């Protein structure tokens, strides 16, 4: 697993804002492929999804 590619993907997705990250999480959970992860292996895409969920859970707790 290429941690650098995973981190780059997460950072790029986060640059698009919270609403887009939430939409991306939802799409990935539904099994849809998204452009930002098309160059990643399945385990790397899963790692991106998990990282996005972790980031948003922290963000959501701060804003509750």
Protein backbone atom coordinates (compact mmCIF):
# COMPACT_ATOMS: atom_id res chain seq x y z
CA UNK A 1 0.00 0.00 0.00
CA UNK A 2 1.38 3.39 -1.02
CA UNK A 3 0.78 5.70 1.95
CA UNK A 4 1.99 8.72 -0.02
CA UNK A 5 -0.65 8.20 -2.74
CA UNK A 6 -3.32 7.71 -0.08
CA UNK A 7 -2.36 10.90 1.72
CA UNK A 8 -2.26 12.90 -1.52
CA UNK A 9 -5.72 11.65 -2.45
CA UNK A 10 -7.15 12.47 0.99
CA UNK A 11 -5.63 15.95 0.93
CA UNK A 12 -6.97 16.64 -2.57
CA UNK A 13 -10.46 15.49 -1.59
CA UNK A 14 -10.43 17.58 1.58
CA UNK A 15 -9.54 20.66 -0.46
CA UNK A 16 -12.98 20.42 -2.09
CA UNK A 17 -14.77 21.06 1.20
CA UNK A 18 -16.90 19.19 3.70
CA UNK A 19 -19.96 18.73 1.52
CA UNK A 20 -17.89 17.16 -1.24
CA UNK A 21 -16.08 14.92 1.24
CA UNK A 22 -19.41 13.72 2.65
CA UNK A 23 -20.68 13.06 -0.88
CA UNK A 24 -17.48 11.19 -1.69
CA UNK A 25 -17.79 9.04 1.44
CA UNK A 26 -21.39 8.23 0.56
CA UNK A 27 -20.50 7.36 -3.03
CA UNK A 28 -17.61 5.14 -1.99
CA UNK A 29 -19.75 3.37 0.61
CA UNK A 30 -22.30 2.69 -2.14
CA UNK A 31 -19.57 1.05 -4.22
CA UNK A 32 -19.34 3.82 -6.79
CA UNK A 33 -15.96 4.55 -8.25
CA UNK A 34 -14.79 8.13 -8.02
CA UNK A 35 -12.24 9.81 -10.26
CA UNK A 36 -9.88 10.66 -7.42
CA UNK A 37 -9.35 7.02 -6.46
CA UNK A 38 -9.33 5.40 -9.90
CA UNK A 39 -5.53 5.07 -9.86
CA UNK A 40 -5.47 3.39 -6.47
CA UNK A 41 -5.59 -0.28 -5.58
CA UNK A 42 -8.69 -1.48 -3.73
CA UNK A 43 -6.94 -1.51 -0.34
CA UNK A 44 -5.63 2.00 -0.94
CA UNK A 45 -9.12 3.25 -1.88
CA UNK A 46 -10.44 1.64 1.31
CA UNK A 47 -7.74 3.41 3.30
CA UNK A 48 -8.78 6.73 1.71
CA UNK A 49 -12.40 6.07 2.69
CA UNK A 50 -11.43 5.23 6.27
CA UNK A 51 -9.23 8.32 6.54
CA UNK A 52 -12.01 10.56 5.22
CA UNK A 53 -14.46 9.08 7.74
CA UNK A 54 -11.99 9.67 10.57
CA UNK A 55 -11.38 13.26 9.52
CA UNK A 56 -15.08 14.02 9.21
CA UNK A 57 -15.90 12.41 12.57
CA UNK A 58 -13.37 14.68 14.27
CA UNK A 59 -14.66 17.69 12.35
CA UNK A 60 -18.28 16.87 13.18
CA UNK A 61 -17.50 16.46 16.89
CA UNK A 62 -15.86 19.89 16.96
CA UNK A 63 -18.90 21.51 15.36
CA UNK A 64 -21.55 19.81 17.51
